[in-house]
C-alpha atoms as a PDB file:
ATOM      1  CA  MET A   1      10.846 -51.093   6.142  1.00  0.00           C
ATOM      2  CA  TYR A   2       8.083 -48.639   5.121  1.00  0.00           C
ATOM      3  CA  PRO A   3       5.709 -46.995   7.605  1.00  0.00           C
ATOM      4  CA  PRO A   4       2.224 -48.496   7.722  1.00  0.00           C
ATOM      5  CA  SER A   5      -0.106 -47.162   5.052  1.00  0.00           C
ATOM      6  CA  SER A   6      -2.062 -44.832   7.385  1.00  0.00           C
ATOM      7  CA  ALA A   7       1.180 -43.304   8.709  1.00  0.00           C
ATOM      8  CA  ARG A   8       2.451 -42.984   5.156  1.00  0.00           C
ATOM      9  CA  SER A   9      -0.805 -41.192   4.142  1.00  0.00           C
ATOM     10  CA  LEU A  10      -0.529 -38.860   7.106  1.00  0.00           C
ATOM     11  CA  LEU A  11       3.129 -38.098   6.215  1.00  0.00           C
ATOM     12  CA  LEU A  12       2.186 -37.340   2.611  1.00  0.00           C
ATOM     13  CA  SER A  13      -0.663 -35.092   3.744  1.00  0.00           C
ATOM     14  CA  LEU A  14       1.586 -33.191   6.112  1.00  0.00           C
ATOM     15  CA  THR A  15       4.261 -32.825   3.406  1.00  0.00           C
ATOM     16  CA  ALA A  16       1.654 -31.416   1.016  1.00  0.00           C
ATOM     17  CA  LEU A  17       0.302 -29.048   3.665  1.00  0.00           C
ATOM     18  CA  VAL A  18       3.811 -27.737   4.445  1.00  0.00           C
ATOM     19  CA  ALA A  19       4.479 -27.221   0.705  1.00  0.00           C
ATOM     20  CA  LEU A  20       1.169 -25.325   0.213  1.00  0.00           C
ATOM     21  CA  SER A  21       1.855 -23.182   3.279  1.00  0.00           C
ATOM     22  CA  ALA A  22       5.360 -22.371   2.116  1.00  0.00           C
ATOM     23  CA  THR A  23       3.961 -21.355  -1.325  1.00  0.00           C
ATOM     24  CA  ALA A  24       1.318 -19.160   0.263  1.00  0.00           C
ATOM     25  CA  LEU A  25       3.918 -17.465   2.549  1.00  0.00           C
ATOM     26  CA  ALA A  26       6.280 -16.934  -0.405  1.00  0.00           C
ATOM     27  CA  GLY A  27       3.465 -15.176  -2.331  1.00  0.00           C
ATOM     28  CA  ALA A  28       2.639 -12.960   0.659  1.00  0.00           C
ATOM     29  CA  ALA A  29       6.318 -12.201   1.164  1.00  0.00           C
ATOM     30  CA  ASP A  30       6.535 -10.969  -2.471  1.00  0.00           C
ATOM     31  CA  ALA A  31       4.163  -8.117  -1.691  1.00  0.00           C
ATOM     32  CA  ILE A  32       5.898  -4.762  -1.069  1.00  0.00           C
ATOM     33  CA  ARG A  33       4.239  -2.526   1.490  1.00  0.00           C
ATOM     34  CA  ILE A  34       5.558   0.975   2.100  1.00  0.00           C
ATOM     35  CA  ARG A  35       4.272   3.265   4.866  1.00  0.00           C
ATOM     36  CA  MET A  36       4.916   6.939   4.206  1.00  0.00           C
ATOM     37  CA  GLY A  37       6.412   9.357   6.722  1.00  0.00           C
ATOM     38  CA  THR A  38       8.350   6.709   8.588  1.00  0.00           C
ATOM     39  CA  THR A  39      12.127   6.060   8.888  1.00  0.00           C
ATOM     40  CA  ALA A  40      11.986   2.396   9.945  1.00  0.00           C
ATOM     41  CA  LYS A  41       9.921  -0.715   9.292  1.00  0.00           C
ATOM     42  CA  THR A  42       6.650  -0.784  11.238  1.00  0.00           C
ATOM     43  CA  THR A  43       4.094  -3.467  12.022  1.00  0.00           C
ATOM     44  CA  ASP A  44       0.370  -2.661  11.785  1.00  0.00           C
ATOM     45  CA  GLU A  45      -2.486  -3.957  13.947  1.00  0.00           C
ATOM     46  CA  ALA A  46      -2.905  -6.994  11.714  1.00  0.00           C
ATOM     47  CA  GLY A  47       0.775  -7.970  12.123  1.00  0.00           C
ATOM     48  CA  VAL A  48       1.728  -6.882   8.586  1.00  0.00           C
ATOM     49  CA  VAL A  49       5.214  -5.348   8.240  1.00  0.00           C
ATOM     50  CA  TRP A  50       5.539  -2.111   6.265  1.00  0.00           C
ATOM     51  CA  LEU A  51       8.795  -0.762   4.879  1.00  0.00           C
ATOM     52  CA  ALA A  52       9.898   2.764   5.761  1.00  0.00           C
ATOM     53  CA  ASP A  53       9.120   5.627   3.394  1.00  0.00           C
ATOM     54  CA  THR A  54      11.128   5.161   0.172  1.00  0.00           C
ATOM     55  CA  GLY A  55      10.915   5.642  -3.607  1.00  0.00           C
ATOM     56  CA  PHE A  56       9.884   9.290  -3.794  1.00  0.00           C
ATOM     57  CA  ALA A  57      11.720  11.916  -5.884  1.00  0.00           C
ATOM     58  CA  ASP A  58      10.666  14.739  -3.548  1.00  0.00           C
ATOM     59  CA  GLY A  59       8.096  15.894  -1.066  1.00  0.00           C
ATOM     60  CA  GLU A  60       7.827  16.238   2.679  1.00  0.00           C
ATOM     61  CA  THR A  61       6.736  13.874   5.410  1.00  0.00           C
ATOM     62  CA  ILE A  62       4.854  14.261   8.677  1.00  0.00           C
ATOM     63  CA  ASP A  63       3.958  11.880  11.495  1.00  0.00           C
ATOM     64  CA  ARG A  64       0.650  12.527  13.312  1.00  0.00           C
ATOM     65  CA  THR A  65       0.877   9.636  15.825  1.00  0.00           C
ATOM     66  CA  GLY A  66      -2.199   9.505  17.977  1.00  0.00           C
ATOM     67  CA  ILE A  67      -4.801  10.561  15.416  1.00  0.00           C
ATOM     68  CA  LYS A  68      -7.858   8.356  15.044  1.00  0.00           C
ATOM     69  CA  VAL A  69      -8.646   7.243  11.482  1.00  0.00           C
ATOM     70  CA  ALA A  70     -11.929   5.429  10.736  1.00  0.00           C
ATOM     71  CA  ASN A  71     -12.946   3.024   7.910  1.00  0.00           C
ATOM     72  CA  THR A  72      -9.990   0.675   8.447  1.00  0.00           C
ATOM     73  CA  PRO A  73      -8.918  -2.182  10.755  1.00  0.00           C
ATOM     74  CA  THR A  74      -5.343  -0.812  10.561  1.00  0.00           C
ATOM     75  CA  PRO A  75      -5.475   2.913  11.457  1.00  0.00           C
ATOM     76  CA  SER A  76      -1.770   3.128  12.348  1.00  0.00           C
ATOM     77  CA  ILE A  77      -0.735   3.116   8.695  1.00  0.00           C
ATOM     78  CA  TYR A  78      -2.615   6.405   8.192  1.00  0.00           C
ATOM     79  CA  SER A  79      -0.930   8.308  11.087  1.00  0.00           C
ATOM     80  CA  ALA A  80       1.982   9.463   8.870  1.00  0.00           C
ATOM     81  CA  GLU A  81       2.042  10.729   5.286  1.00  0.00           C
ATOM     82  CA  ARG A  82       4.111  12.084   2.434  1.00  0.00           C
ATOM     83  CA  TYR A  83       2.800  15.228   0.779  1.00  0.00           C
ATOM     84  CA  SER A  84       3.828  17.720  -1.857  1.00  0.00           C
ATOM     85  CA  MET A  85       5.526  15.018  -3.953  1.00  0.00           C
ATOM     86  CA  SER A  86       5.636  14.735  -7.750  1.00  0.00           C
ATOM     87  CA  ALA A  87       6.891  11.185  -8.435  1.00  0.00           C
ATOM     88  CA  PHE A  88       7.413   7.719  -6.964  1.00  0.00           C
ATOM     89  CA  ALA A  89       9.418   4.856  -8.513  1.00  0.00           C
ATOM     90  CA  TYR A  90      10.178   1.405  -7.116  1.00  0.00           C
ATOM     91  CA  ALA A  91      12.177  -1.301  -8.845  1.00  0.00           C
ATOM     92  CA  VAL A  92      10.185  -4.524  -9.422  1.00  0.00           C
ATOM     93  CA  PRO A  93      10.452  -7.350 -11.882  1.00  0.00           C
ATOM     94  CA  ASN A  94       8.422  -6.860 -15.056  1.00  0.00           C
ATOM     95  CA  GLY A  95       4.979  -8.283 -14.730  1.00  0.00           C
ATOM     96  CA  LYS A  96       1.427  -7.648 -13.550  1.00  0.00           C
ATOM     97  CA  TYR A  97       0.680  -6.117 -10.162  1.00  0.00           C
ATOM     98  CA  THR A  98      -2.188  -4.913  -8.058  1.00  0.00           C
ATOM     99  CA  VAL A  99      -1.266  -1.565  -6.559  1.00  0.00           C
ATOM    100  CA  LYS A 100      -3.167  -0.298  -3.509  1.00  0.00           C
ATOM    101  CA  LEU A 101      -2.764   3.410  -2.658  1.00  0.00           C
ATOM    102  CA  HIS A 102      -3.855   4.296   0.898  1.00  0.00           C
ATOM    103  CA  PHE A 103      -5.213   7.792   1.636  1.00  0.00           C
ATOM    104  CA  ALA A 104      -6.764   9.580   4.650  1.00  0.00           C
ATOM    105  CA  GLU A 105      -7.089  13.305   5.084  1.00  0.00           C
ATOM    106  CA  THR A 106      -5.352  14.026   8.388  1.00  0.00           C
ATOM    107  CA  TYR A 107      -4.254  17.630   7.898  1.00  0.00           C
ATOM    108  CA  GLU A 108      -6.120  19.856  10.348  1.00  0.00           C
ATOM    109  CA  GLY A 109      -6.233  22.637   7.717  1.00  0.00           C
ATOM    110  CA  ILE A 110      -8.651  20.617   5.581  1.00  0.00           C
ATOM    111  CA  SER A 111     -12.185  20.010   6.800  1.00  0.00           C
ATOM    112  CA  SER A 112     -14.261  19.134   3.720  1.00  0.00           C
ATOM    113  CA  ALA A 113     -14.242  17.809   0.203  1.00  0.00           C
ATOM    114  CA  GLY A 114     -12.745  19.965  -2.487  1.00  0.00           C
ATOM    115  CA  GLU A 115      -9.975  21.374  -0.246  1.00  0.00           C
ATOM    116  CA  ARG A 116      -7.341  18.862  -1.532  1.00  0.00           C
ATOM    117  CA  VAL A 117      -7.637  17.743  -5.127  1.00  0.00           C
ATOM    118  CA  PHE A 118      -4.842  16.240  -7.268  1.00  0.00           C
ATOM    119  CA  THR A 119      -4.203  13.927 -10.163  1.00  0.00           C
ATOM    120  CA  PHE A 120      -2.085  10.822  -9.967  1.00  0.00           C
ATOM    121  CA  ASN A 121      -0.995   8.325 -12.603  1.00  0.00           C
ATOM    122  CA  VAL A 122      -0.024   4.710 -11.893  1.00  0.00           C
ATOM    123  CA  GLU A 123       1.784   3.118 -14.854  1.00  0.00           C
ATOM    124  CA  GLY A 124      -0.524   4.917 -17.366  1.00  0.00           C
ATOM    125  CA  HIS A 125      -3.710   4.680 -15.316  1.00  0.00           C
ATOM    126  CA  GLU A 126      -4.791   8.254 -14.599  1.00  0.00           C
ATOM    127  CA  PHE A 127      -6.880   9.270 -11.573  1.00  0.00           C
ATOM    128  CA  LYS A 128      -7.891  12.825 -12.427  1.00  0.00           C
ATOM    129  CA  ASP A 129      -9.411  15.254  -9.884  1.00  0.00           C
ATOM    130  CA  PHE A 130      -8.819  12.853  -7.024  1.00  0.00           C
ATOM    131  CA  ASP A 131     -10.163  14.144  -3.745  1.00  0.00           C
ATOM    132  CA  PRO A 132      -9.251  11.872  -0.763  1.00  0.00           C
ATOM    133  CA  THR A 133     -11.842  13.481   1.510  1.00  0.00           C
ATOM    134  CA  ALA A 134     -14.685  12.997  -0.975  1.00  0.00           C
ATOM    135  CA  LYS A 135     -13.611   9.366  -1.734  1.00  0.00           C
ATOM    136  CA  ALA A 136     -13.419   8.492   1.980  1.00  0.00           C
ATOM    137  CA  GLY A 137     -16.621  10.273   2.898  1.00  0.00           C
ATOM    138  CA  GLY A 138     -14.935  12.801   5.226  1.00  0.00           C
ATOM    139  CA  VAL A 139     -11.690  13.689   6.961  1.00  0.00           C
ATOM    140  CA  LEU A 140      -9.952  11.157   9.244  1.00  0.00           C
ATOM    141  CA  LYS A 141     -11.392   8.281   7.174  1.00  0.00           C
ATOM    142  CA  ALA A 142      -9.300   5.790   5.206  1.00  0.00           C
ATOM    143  CA  TYR A 143      -9.751   5.139   1.517  1.00  0.00           C
ATOM    144  CA  VAL A 144      -7.863   2.631  -0.617  1.00  0.00           C
ATOM    145  CA  GLU A 145      -7.655   3.042  -4.431  1.00  0.00           C
ATOM    146  CA  THR A 146      -6.779  -0.207  -6.140  1.00  0.00           C
ATOM    147  CA  VAL A 147      -5.392  -0.463  -9.701  1.00  0.00           C
ATOM    148  CA  ALA A 148      -4.156  -3.365 -11.801  1.00  0.00           C
ATOM    149  CA  VAL A 149      -1.021  -2.477 -13.737  1.00  0.00           C
ATOM    150  CA  GLU A 150       1.663  -4.066 -15.907  1.00  0.00           C
ATOM    151  CA  VAL A 151       5.282  -3.032 -15.362  1.00  0.00           C
ATOM    152  CA  LYS A 152       7.363  -3.330 -18.526  1.00  0.00           C
ATOM    153  CA  ASP A 153      10.528  -1.372 -17.653  1.00  0.00           C
ATOM    154  CA  GLY A 154      11.518  -2.808 -14.250  1.00  0.00           C
ATOM    155  CA  LYS A 155      10.047   0.071 -12.267  1.00  0.00           C
ATOM    156  CA  LEU A 156       6.625   0.849 -10.895  1.00  0.00           C
ATOM    157  CA  ASN A 157       6.043   4.565 -11.619  1.00  0.00           C
ATOM    158  CA  ILE A 158       3.537   6.883 -10.039  1.00  0.00           C
ATOM    159  CA  THR A 159       3.312  10.625 -10.735  1.00  0.00           C
ATOM    160  CA  PHE A 160       1.364  13.229  -8.756  1.00  0.00           C
ATOM    161  CA  THR A 161       0.087  16.644  -9.937  1.00  0.00           C
ATOM    162  CA  SER A 162      -1.234  19.231  -7.574  1.00  0.00           C
ATOM    163  CA  GLN A 163      -4.523  20.997  -8.361  1.00  0.00           C
ATOM    164  CA  VAL A 164      -5.852  22.282  -5.022  1.00  0.00           C
ATOM    165  CA  GLU A 165      -3.446  22.009  -2.056  1.00  0.00           C
ATOM    166  CA  ASN A 166      -0.627  19.373  -2.329  1.00  0.00           C
ATOM    167  CA  PRO A 167      -0.977  15.711  -3.150  1.00  0.00           C
ATOM    168  CA  GLU A 168      -0.714  13.371  -0.117  1.00  0.00           C
ATOM    169  CA  ILE A 169      -0.484   9.606   0.382  1.00  0.00           C
ATOM    170  CA  ASN A 170      -0.193   7.379   3.490  1.00  0.00           C
ATOM    171  CA  ALA A 171       0.921   4.036   2.132  1.00  0.00           C
ATOM    172  CA  ILE A 172       1.397   1.947  -1.030  1.00  0.00           C
ATOM    173  CA  GLU A 173       1.114  -1.805  -1.527  1.00  0.00           C
ATOM    174  CA  ILE A 174       2.611  -3.463  -4.643  1.00  0.00           C
ATOM    175  CA  ILE A 175       1.247  -6.994  -4.903  1.00  0.00           C
ATOM    176  CA  PRO A 176       2.289  -9.381  -7.687  1.00  0.00           C
ATOM    177  CA  ALA A 177      -0.762 -10.578  -9.623  1.00  0.00           C
ATOM    178  CA  GLY A 178      -1.459 -14.283  -9.887  1.00  0.00           C
END
């Protein structure tokens, strides 16, 4: 015996809703989020889980827990950083991605624009004379640079070149496009 038509419609609607929710969650789960300067997974104020610092060829890290960073609903991801690095690589399937690079000037030795300038290149997209303080509108303010890329060799590659002071970064998001 089949359920009455209204119950059958409700069951079909719930099944479709569960399928759509599972698809949305699978897409969100495909995003890779890496927080620099950390040794374990962390969860930000929005409940998003970030992987520990990984993928860098070199550089140093520092944790400045307790600093207050503006321009963001998730200031905790900016309390640690990697600096003085030259390259980042992370294995991903070939395809198109949106890459978000998170920056905030938290080093107490820098107080204004022009005191940290570097170039970085994300899969062939060059950001020359990048100044995180100028982009954010001051120190202790978050700035996110977003770039669409296509990975063709199974690795997302980012290079960093120092100009004034050392390059720095707080977090990277690698989000599959589409």
